[in-house]
Amino acid sequence: MLLITIVLQLLSGFFLGWYYIPEPGLVIELREEMFNDTRFGAEVFYMHVRGVDTIFVLSYMHILKKIYLKNYVTAESDGWLLGGYAFFWFHYIVALGISLSATHLSDLTLTIIANIFWSVFNFAYKTYYIVFTNKHLNTDQLTRIMVLHYFTPWYYLYLVKLHVLFCHESWDSDSGENVYEDKSGSYVSWFYDAFLKEIQDAWFWTFLVFCYFFLHHFSDSTVNYYFFERWNISELDEIRFYGVAPHWYFRPLMGLLVVSPSHYEGLMWMGLWFVLLAVLPIIYNLYNSNKSYLPIIPMQSSKIQTLAFILYMLSIYCAASMLPCGRYYYAPEGGYVGNPWVKFSYQYAYLYMAWIIHHLDLIEHVGYRYAQHLLIQSSNTRKISKKRTQVLAVTSIRESSNNKNAMYTFSNTYKSNKFIINYCKNVLR
């Protein structure tokens, strides 16, 4: 379903490209004219807008499902690397698309992208000018972004195709195992099996997400940024940065720039997020190359691993739900200021991807061995205590063997111990 959504996004963008004119002052008016004069113009536009949210939601569902099923253990590292790289590339494409909307948020997004690009060259002169002109919206800038935004999605589709080829070519949905492709059939069997497997695993949630984002139109009173869509140069300097909220899928990345003490450290954490995701199988093999004795425990069969995964999902949700607009920030004197749960979410998300997820089997194995040791030790202690009780009881019986009342008292006291009961009976005889 994710692949179908990507294809629909490409087709809707291809249609919208016919009506786009790279002029900041005319983008909004021409869009409204397209809504009025073009059949299904508004529907195609909103399908393209909601398609971004849909692809992000389905991408996160796909990634989290693969992590939960531990596909990184047996997956092809090349395919996983391509998937992580394609996920990063989609962020870049979406940033270009937001800049094409010619809103105040577009101008801010363009400035942030230009500064990140400039940082790669250590802020040398105006190296950003080749792509980002003066880092603000203008006709030349929109023309360049329009060309990039038109061609880069096709490269993204190529990456997705390679990812599918590497990861799903040997999958067979009937046997549930990796097998060689049956080339005697009249259709591409591996693609059919992989596609069928994806639908069987999560078709219900995929259908709900698809319907929500593609068929649901938010009312203007709920999300209203029309004020920022009609601006001029004099108004632009008066609008504060915190007056515009970033999209939910960019909030974690923007939050990293806000909470980091320096610009380059924030960029380092941003890049590390995509690196950890892309090289997950490689890191797992580095940690566990000498631990072949460890059994691979499915997450769905382990409460400890399931709990750790749920905390990871909650951390991502918390980081994406909090607006980094004064609610949390880094103070030069006091360090981090703001909601402590956001700080914990970032720390746990990185710790989980870099260390916890690769040692869950080891942690559970050591915990199981330690629990078994405690049970054996406890069992031995009970046996020793039972033996000691028997010895003391036999000693007391021997001392009072001529007193039948005492013998009956012993038998009633230790009536649960068969050894002592039999010994008392033999003495009484």
Protein backbone atom coordinates (compact mmCIF):
# COMPACT_ATOMS: atom_id res chain seq x y z
CA MET A 1 0.00 0.00 0.00
CA LEU A 2 2.94 2.31 0.64
CA LEU A 3 4.12 1.74 -2.93
CA ILE A 4 0.65 2.54 -4.29
CA THR A 5 0.54 5.76 -2.24
CA ILE A 6 3.95 6.80 -3.61
CA VAL A 7 2.76 6.24 -7.20
CA LEU A 8 -0.42 8.26 -6.56
CA GLN A 9 1.72 11.04 -5.07
CA LEU A 10 3.87 11.12 -8.19
CA LEU A 11 0.84 11.23 -10.49
CA SER A 12 -0.88 14.01 -8.54
CA GLY A 13 2.36 16.03 -8.46
CA PHE A 14 2.77 15.53 -12.21
CA PHE A 15 -0.72 16.96 -12.71
CA LEU A 16 -0.11 19.93 -10.38
CA GLY A 17 3.15 20.75 -12.17
CA TRP A 18 1.13 21.78 -15.25
CA TYR A 19 -0.53 24.63 -13.37
CA TYR A 20 2.38 25.86 -11.23
CA ILE A 21 4.01 29.21 -11.99
CA PRO A 22 7.14 30.00 -9.89
CA GLU A 23 6.09 33.47 -8.79
CA PRO A 24 5.63 33.98 -5.00
CA GLY A 25 2.92 36.59 -5.43
CA LEU A 26 0.84 34.49 -7.84
CA VAL A 27 1.06 30.95 -6.42
CA ILE A 28 -1.97 31.28 -4.13
CA GLU A 29 -4.16 33.11 -6.66
CA LEU A 30 -3.37 30.64 -9.44
CA ARG A 31 -4.07 27.76 -7.09
CA GLU A 32 -7.53 29.14 -6.30
CA GLU A 33 -8.12 29.70 -10.01
CA MET A 34 -7.23 26.05 -10.64
CA PHE A 35 -9.73 25.02 -7.96
CA ASN A 36 -12.50 26.94 -9.71
CA ASP A 37 -11.72 26.27 -13.36
CA THR A 38 -10.18 22.78 -13.42
CA ARG A 39 -12.21 19.63 -12.94
CA PHE A 40 -11.03 17.77 -9.82
CA GLY A 41 -8.31 20.39 -9.31
CA ALA A 42 -9.01 20.80 -5.59
CA GLU A 43 -9.31 17.05 -5.07
CA VAL A 44 -5.95 16.36 -6.75
CA PHE A 45 -4.29 19.17 -4.79
CA TYR A 46 -5.55 17.94 -1.42
CA MET A 47 -4.72 14.38 -2.37
CA HIS A 48 -1.15 15.53 -2.96
CA VAL A 49 -1.06 17.44 0.34
CA ARG A 50 -2.56 14.62 2.40
CA GLY A 51 -0.44 12.13 0.52
CA VAL A 52 2.65 13.47 2.28
CA ASP A 53 1.13 12.68 5.68
CA THR A 54 -0.02 9.30 4.41
CA ILE A 55 3.42 8.34 3.12
CA PHE A 56 5.04 9.40 6.38
CA VAL A 57 2.52 7.46 8.45
CA LEU A 58 2.84 4.35 6.28
CA SER A 59 6.64 4.68 6.25
CA TYR A 60 6.77 4.79 10.04
CA MET A 61 4.36 1.86 10.23
CA HIS A 62 6.54 -0.06 7.78
CA ILE A 63 9.77 0.73 9.66
CA LEU A 64 8.32 0.01 13.10
CA LYS A 65 6.82 -3.25 11.87
CA LYS A 66 10.16 -4.38 10.47
CA ILE A 67 11.87 -3.49 13.75
CA TYR A 68 9.21 -5.27 15.80
CA LEU A 69 9.49 -8.40 13.66
CA LYS A 70 13.31 -8.21 13.89
CA ASN A 71 13.77 -8.27 10.13
CA TYR A 72 17.08 -6.45 10.59
CA VAL A 73 18.56 -9.73 11.92
CA THR A 74 18.14 -11.66 8.67
CA ALA A 75 17.55 -8.83 6.19
CA GLU A 76 19.87 -7.91 3.34
CA SER A 77 22.01 -5.03 4.59
CA ASP A 78 22.01 -3.47 1.10
CA GLY A 79 18.22 -3.35 1.03
CA TRP A 80 18.01 -1.95 4.54
CA LEU A 81 20.59 0.74 3.70
CA LEU A 82 18.62 1.73 0.61
CA GLY A 83 15.42 1.92 2.64
CA GLY A 84 17.00 4.25 5.22
CA TYR A 85 18.51 6.40 2.48
CA ALA A 86 15.17 6.58 0.66
CA PHE A 87 13.47 7.65 3.91
CA PHE A 88 15.99 10.48 4.31
CA TRP A 89 15.55 11.47 0.67
CA PHE A 90 11.79 11.74 1.13
CA HIS A 91 12.35 14.30 3.91
CA TYR A 92 14.37 16.36 1.45
CA ILE A 93 11.65 16.14 -1.21
CA VAL A 94 8.95 17.21 1.24
CA ALA A 95 11.05 20.19 2.37
CA LEU A 96 11.28 21.30 -1.27
CA GLY A 97 7.51 20.88 -1.67
CA ILE A 98 6.76 22.99 1.39
CA SER A 99 8.98 25.73 -0.02
CA LEU A 100 6.96 25.71 -3.25
CA SER A 101 3.76 26.61 -1.36
CA ALA A 102 4.93 30.24 -1.15
CA THR A 103 3.76 30.73 2.44
CA HIS A 104 5.59 32.17 5.42
CA LEU A 105 6.30 28.61 6.53
CA SER A 106 7.78 28.02 3.07
CA ASP A 107 10.17 30.94 3.53
CA LEU A 108 11.29 29.65 6.92
CA THR A 109 11.72 26.09 5.62
CA LEU A 110 13.78 27.40 2.69
CA THR A 111 16.03 29.37 5.05
CA ILE A 112 16.60 26.33 7.28
CA ILE A 113 17.48 24.11 4.29
CA ALA A 114 19.85 26.75 2.92
CA ASN A 115 21.60 27.10 6.29
CA ILE A 116 22.02 23.31 6.56
CA PHE A 117 23.46 23.23 3.02
CA TRP A 118 25.73 26.17 3.87
CA SER A 119 26.95 24.39 7.01
CA VAL A 120 28.37 21.57 4.91
CA PHE A 121 30.80 24.10 3.38
CA ASN A 122 31.62 25.56 6.80
CA PHE A 123 29.77 28.80 5.96
CA ALA A 124 32.30 29.66 3.28
CA TYR A 125 31.30 32.89 1.54
CA LYS A 126 27.91 32.36 -0.25
CA THR A 127 28.22 28.78 -1.41
CA TYR A 128 24.48 28.37 -0.92
CA TYR A 129 23.74 30.87 -3.70
CA ILE A 130 23.98 28.31 -6.52
CA VAL A 131 20.89 26.49 -5.24
CA PHE A 132 19.23 28.82 -2.73
CA THR A 133 19.95 32.34 -4.11
CA ASN A 134 19.38 34.73 -1.15
CA LYS A 135 17.75 32.03 1.09
CA HIS A 136 14.30 33.61 0.64
CA LEU A 137 11.39 33.19 -1.74
CA ASN A 138 11.79 34.77 -5.16
CA THR A 139 11.13 33.80 -8.75
CA ASP A 140 14.60 32.39 -9.39
CA GLN A 141 14.49 30.42 -6.18
CA LEU A 142 11.08 28.91 -6.88
CA THR A 143 12.17 27.97 -10.40
CA ARG A 144 15.15 26.02 -9.11
CA ILE A 145 13.14 24.35 -6.36
CA MET A 146 10.38 23.48 -8.86
CA VAL A 147 12.89 21.69 -11.10
CA LEU A 148 14.45 19.84 -8.14
CA HIS A 149 11.06 18.92 -6.73
CA TYR A 150 9.95 17.60 -10.10
CA PHE A 151 12.93 15.30 -10.75
CA THR A 152 13.98 14.15 -7.27
CA PRO A 153 10.78 12.11 -6.62
CA TRP A 154 11.60 9.91 -9.58
CA TYR A 155 14.99 9.20 -8.01
CA TYR A 156 13.14 8.42 -4.78
CA LEU A 157 10.95 5.95 -6.68
CA TYR A 158 14.10 4.35 -8.08
CA LEU A 159 15.47 3.94 -4.53
CA VAL A 160 12.19 2.39 -3.41
CA LYS A 161 12.34 -0.01 -6.35
CA LEU A 162 15.88 -1.09 -5.41
CA HIS A 163 14.80 -1.47 -1.78
CA VAL A 164 11.96 -3.76 -2.82
CA LEU A 165 14.25 -5.78 -5.07
CA PHE A 166 16.87 -6.36 -2.38
CA CYS A 167 14.52 -6.99 0.54
CA HIS A 168 11.62 -8.90 -1.01
CA GLU A 169 12.97 -10.73 -4.04
CA SER A 170 13.42 -14.01 -2.16
CA TRP A 171 10.27 -13.79 -0.06
CA ASP A 172 7.56 -16.38 -0.46
CA SER A 173 4.30 -15.64 1.35
CA ASP A 174 2.99 -19.20 1.12
CA SER A 175 5.87 -20.88 2.95
CA GLY A 176 6.77 -17.91 5.13
CA GLU A 177 10.44 -18.43 4.31
CA ASN A 178 13.10 -17.10 1.98
CA VAL A 179 13.18 -19.29 -1.11
CA TYR A 180 14.51 -19.00 -4.63
CA GLU A 181 12.26 -17.25 -7.10
CA ASP A 182 10.10 -19.48 -9.25
CA LYS A 183 10.87 -18.22 -12.76
CA SER A 184 8.60 -20.69 -14.50
CA GLY A 185 5.49 -18.63 -13.81
CA SER A 186 3.97 -16.07 -16.14
CA TYR A 187 4.16 -13.27 -13.54
CA VAL A 188 6.76 -11.85 -11.17
CA SER A 189 6.14 -14.26 -8.32
CA TRP A 190 8.36 -12.59 -5.73
CA PHE A 191 6.60 -9.24 -6.18
CA TYR A 192 3.18 -10.86 -5.94
CA ASP A 193 4.17 -12.78 -2.81
CA ALA A 194 5.74 -9.74 -1.16
CA PHE A 195 2.76 -7.56 -1.99
CA LEU A 196 0.36 -10.20 -0.69
CA LYS A 197 2.39 -10.53 2.51
CA GLU A 198 2.27 -6.77 3.14
CA ILE A 199 -1.50 -6.69 2.65
CA GLN A 200 -2.05 -9.69 4.91
CA ASP A 201 0.03 -8.19 7.72
CA ALA A 202 -1.45 -4.71 8.00
CA TRP A 203 -4.25 -4.21 5.49
CA PHE A 204 -6.77 -3.02 8.07
CA TRP A 205 -4.64 -0.22 9.54
CA THR A 206 -3.33 0.71 6.11
CA PHE A 207 -6.87 1.08 4.81
CA LEU A 208 -7.91 3.31 7.72
CA VAL A 209 -4.87 5.58 7.34
CA PHE A 210 -5.38 5.77 3.58
CA CYS A 211 -9.05 6.76 3.94
CA TYR A 212 -8.36 9.31 6.66
CA PHE A 213 -5.63 11.27 4.92
CA PHE A 214 -6.96 11.02 1.39
CA LEU A 215 -10.68 11.53 1.96
CA HIS A 216 -10.75 13.73 5.06
CA HIS A 217 -10.54 17.50 4.54
CA PHE A 218 -9.65 19.60 7.54
CA SER A 219 -11.90 22.59 8.06
CA ASP A 220 -10.38 26.05 7.81
CA SER A 221 -11.21 26.82 11.42
CA THR A 222 -9.09 23.88 12.59
CA VAL A 223 -5.92 24.60 10.63
CA ASN A 224 -5.89 28.12 9.24
CA TYR A 225 -2.69 29.57 7.82
CA TYR A 226 -4.32 31.75 5.17
CA PHE A 227 -2.93 34.84 6.91
CA PHE A 228 0.58 33.67 6.06
CA GLU A 229 -0.37 32.91 2.46
CA ARG A 230 -1.03 36.57 1.65
CA TRP A 231 2.06 38.41 2.71
CA ASN A 232 4.33 41.03 1.26
CA ILE A 233 7.87 42.07 2.07
CA SER A 234 6.86 44.58 4.75
CA GLU A 235 4.70 42.03 6.58
CA LEU A 236 7.37 39.35 6.44
CA ASP A 237 9.71 41.20 8.82
CA GLU A 238 6.94 41.68 11.36
CA ILE A 239 5.89 38.03 11.66
CA ARG A 240 7.85 36.19 14.32
CA PHE A 241 9.36 32.76 13.68
CA TYR A 242 7.38 31.17 16.52
CA GLY A 243 4.13 32.21 14.87
CA VAL A 244 4.37 29.30 12.41
CA ALA A 245 4.20 25.67 13.50
CA PRO A 246 6.26 23.09 11.60
CA HIS A 247 4.61 19.95 10.30
CA TRP A 248 4.51 17.00 12.69
CA TYR A 249 7.03 14.97 10.70
CA PHE A 250 9.62 17.77 10.93
CA ARG A 251 9.11 18.55 14.62
CA PRO A 252 11.58 15.94 15.97
CA LEU A 253 14.29 17.18 13.60
CA MET A 254 13.60 20.82 14.40
CA GLY A 255 13.55 19.97 18.09
CA LEU A 256 17.08 18.55 17.78
CA LEU A 257 18.29 21.88 16.43
CA VAL A 258 16.54 23.71 19.28
CA VAL A 259 17.82 21.59 22.18
CA SER A 260 21.41 21.24 20.93
CA PRO A 261 23.95 23.70 22.34
CA SER A 262 25.48 24.36 18.91
CA HIS A 263 24.36 24.30 15.30
CA TYR A 264 26.76 21.58 14.22
CA GLU A 265 25.84 19.35 17.15
CA GLY A 266 22.19 19.60 16.15
CA LEU A 267 23.10 18.64 12.57
CA MET A 268 25.15 15.74 13.92
CA TRP A 269 22.17 14.37 15.86
CA MET A 270 19.92 14.80 12.82
CA GLY A 271 22.30 12.87 10.60
CA LEU A 272 22.90 10.24 13.26
CA TRP A 273 19.18 9.46 13.39
CA PHE A 274 19.09 8.45 9.72
CA VAL A 275 22.45 6.66 9.98
CA LEU A 276 21.30 4.53 12.93
CA LEU A 277 18.15 3.63 11.04
CA ALA A 278 19.94 2.79 7.80
CA VAL A 279 22.78 0.68 9.27
CA LEU A 280 20.67 -1.18 11.83
CA PRO A 281 21.59 -4.68 10.48
CA ILE A 282 25.28 -3.76 10.35
CA ILE A 283 25.33 -2.54 13.96
CA TYR A 284 23.47 -5.66 15.06
CA ASN A 285 26.04 -7.92 13.38
CA LEU A 286 28.92 -5.96 14.93
CA TYR A 287 27.48 -6.39 18.41
CA ASN A 288 26.47 -10.03 18.00
CA SER A 289 29.06 -11.50 15.64
CA ASN A 290 30.65 -13.46 18.51
CA LYS A 291 27.38 -14.42 20.19
CA SER A 292 26.12 -17.20 17.94
CA TYR A 293 25.02 -19.13 21.02
CA LEU A 294 22.33 -16.56 21.74
CA PRO A 295 18.82 -17.53 20.63
CA ILE A 296 16.90 -14.90 18.64
CA ILE A 297 13.78 -14.27 20.70
CA PRO A 298 10.80 -12.76 18.79
CA MET A 299 9.63 -9.50 20.30
CA GLN A 300 6.02 -10.66 20.34
CA SER A 301 7.10 -13.57 22.54
CA SER A 302 8.97 -11.44 25.07
CA LYS A 303 7.36 -8.99 27.48
CA ILE A 304 10.68 -7.24 28.14
CA GLN A 305 11.39 -6.60 24.45
CA THR A 306 7.79 -5.59 23.77
CA LEU A 307 7.90 -3.09 26.65
CA ALA A 308 11.16 -1.61 25.34
CA PHE A 309 9.65 -1.30 21.85
CA ILE A 310 6.48 0.37 23.21
CA LEU A 311 8.63 2.92 25.06
CA TYR A 312 10.49 3.57 21.80
CA MET A 313 7.22 4.25 19.94
CA LEU A 314 6.02 6.53 22.75
CA SER A 315 9.32 8.42 22.62
CA ILE A 316 8.91 9.07 18.89
CA TYR A 317 5.30 10.13 19.43
CA CYS A 318 6.27 12.52 22.24
CA ALA A 319 9.06 14.10 20.17
CA ALA A 320 6.71 14.56 17.19
CA SER A 321 3.79 15.92 19.22
CA MET A 322 5.57 18.75 21.05
CA LEU A 323 6.05 22.03 19.23
CA PRO A 324 9.62 23.35 19.70
CA CYS A 325 8.32 26.92 19.91
CA GLY A 326 9.52 28.14 23.30
CA ARG A 327 8.23 25.04 25.12
CA TYR A 328 11.72 23.59 25.35
CA TYR A 329 15.09 25.01 24.38
CA TYR A 330 18.77 25.09 25.32
CA ALA A 331 19.94 27.89 27.58
CA PRO A 332 23.68 28.71 27.52
CA GLU A 333 23.77 29.03 31.31
CA GLY A 334 21.37 26.36 32.58
CA GLY A 335 21.40 23.84 29.73
CA TYR A 336 18.13 22.16 28.74
CA VAL A 337 14.97 24.00 29.77
CA GLY A 338 11.48 22.64 29.27
CA ASN A 339 9.45 19.46 29.45
CA PRO A 340 11.63 16.66 30.90
CA TRP A 341 9.66 14.00 28.98
CA VAL A 342 10.84 15.47 25.67
CA LYS A 343 14.45 15.22 26.80
CA PHE A 344 13.92 11.64 27.96
CA SER A 345 12.20 10.78 24.66
CA TYR A 346 15.16 11.96 22.59
CA GLN A 347 17.66 10.19 24.86
CA TYR A 348 15.75 6.92 24.91
CA ALA A 349 15.10 6.91 21.13
CA TYR A 350 18.81 7.23 20.35
CA LEU A 351 19.85 4.81 23.10
CA TYR A 352 17.33 2.25 21.86
CA MET A 353 18.52 2.42 18.24
CA ALA A 354 22.22 2.46 19.11
CA TRP A 355 22.44 -0.10 21.95
CA ILE A 356 19.28 -1.44 23.59
CA ILE A 357 17.71 -3.07 20.52
CA HIS A 358 20.96 -4.94 19.75
CA HIS A 359 21.36 -6.32 23.28
CA LEU A 360 17.79 -7.30 24.11
CA ASP A 361 18.43 -10.97 23.37
CA LEU A 362 21.59 -10.90 25.50
CA ILE A 363 19.82 -9.11 28.34
CA GLU A 364 16.96 -11.57 28.30
CA HIS A 365 19.34 -14.54 28.01
CA VAL A 366 21.42 -13.38 30.99
CA GLY A 367 18.27 -12.59 32.95
CA TYR A 368 16.88 -16.04 32.21
CA ARG A 369 20.11 -17.74 33.26
CA TYR A 370 20.23 -15.68 36.45
CA ALA A 371 16.59 -16.52 37.22
CA GLN A 372 17.33 -20.22 36.64
CA HIS A 373 20.33 -19.97 38.97
CA LEU A 374 18.16 -18.38 41.66
CA LEU A 375 15.53 -21.11 41.27
CA ILE A 376 18.12 -23.87 41.53
CA GLN A 377 19.71 -22.20 44.52
CA SER A 378 16.33 -21.76 46.17
CA SER A 379 15.46 -25.40 45.45
CA ASN A 380 18.76 -26.59 46.97
CA THR A 381 18.15 -24.42 50.01
CA ARG A 382 14.72 -25.99 50.48
CA LYS A 383 16.18 -29.49 50.14
CA ILE A 384 18.89 -28.73 52.70
CA SER A 385 16.31 -27.27 55.07
CA LYS A 386 14.09 -30.33 54.64
CA LYS A 387 17.01 -32.69 55.29
CA ARG A 388 18.01 -30.74 58.37
CA THR A 389 14.43 -30.94 59.67
CA GLN A 390 14.41 -34.70 59.16
CA VAL A 391 17.70 -35.15 61.03
CA LEU A 392 16.50 -33.10 63.99
CA ALA A 393 13.19 -34.94 64.07
CA VAL A 394 14.85 -38.38 63.96
CA THR A 395 17.20 -37.36 66.76
CA SER A 396 14.28 -36.24 68.92
CA ILE A 397 12.34 -39.45 68.15
CA ARG A 398 15.25 -41.60 69.20
CA GLU A 399 15.56 -39.71 72.45
CA SER A 400 11.85 -40.22 73.31
CA SER A 401 11.28 -43.63 71.75
CA ASN A 402 9.82 -45.03 75.00
CA ASN A 403 7.18 -42.25 75.24
CA LYS A 404 4.27 -43.10 72.95
CA ASN A 405 2.51 -39.77 73.55
CA ALA A 406 5.60 -37.95 72.39
CA MET A 407 5.73 -40.18 69.32
CA TYR A 408 2.12 -39.34 68.43
CA THR A 409 2.92 -35.65 68.92
CA PHE A 410 5.86 -35.94 66.51
CA SER A 411 3.72 -37.72 63.94
CA ASN A 412 1.03 -35.01 64.10
CA THR A 413 3.60 -32.22 63.95
CA TYR A 414 5.38 -33.63 60.87
CA LYS A 415 2.33 -35.20 59.23
CA SER A 416 3.29 -33.65 55.89
CA ASN A 417 6.70 -35.34 55.96
CA LYS A 418 6.28 -38.96 54.88
CA PHE A 419 9.79 -39.91 55.97
CA ILE A 420 9.18 -38.89 59.59
CA ILE A 421 5.69 -40.47 59.68
CA ASN A 422 7.05 -43.82 58.50
CA TYR A 423 9.93 -43.61 60.96
CA CYS A 424 7.49 -42.94 63.85
CA LYS A 425 5.33 -45.90 62.80
CA ASN A 426 8.33 -48.22 62.76
CA VAL A 427 9.38 -47.05 66.22
CA LEU A 428 5.85 -47.49 67.60
CA ARG A 429 5.75 -51.04 66.31
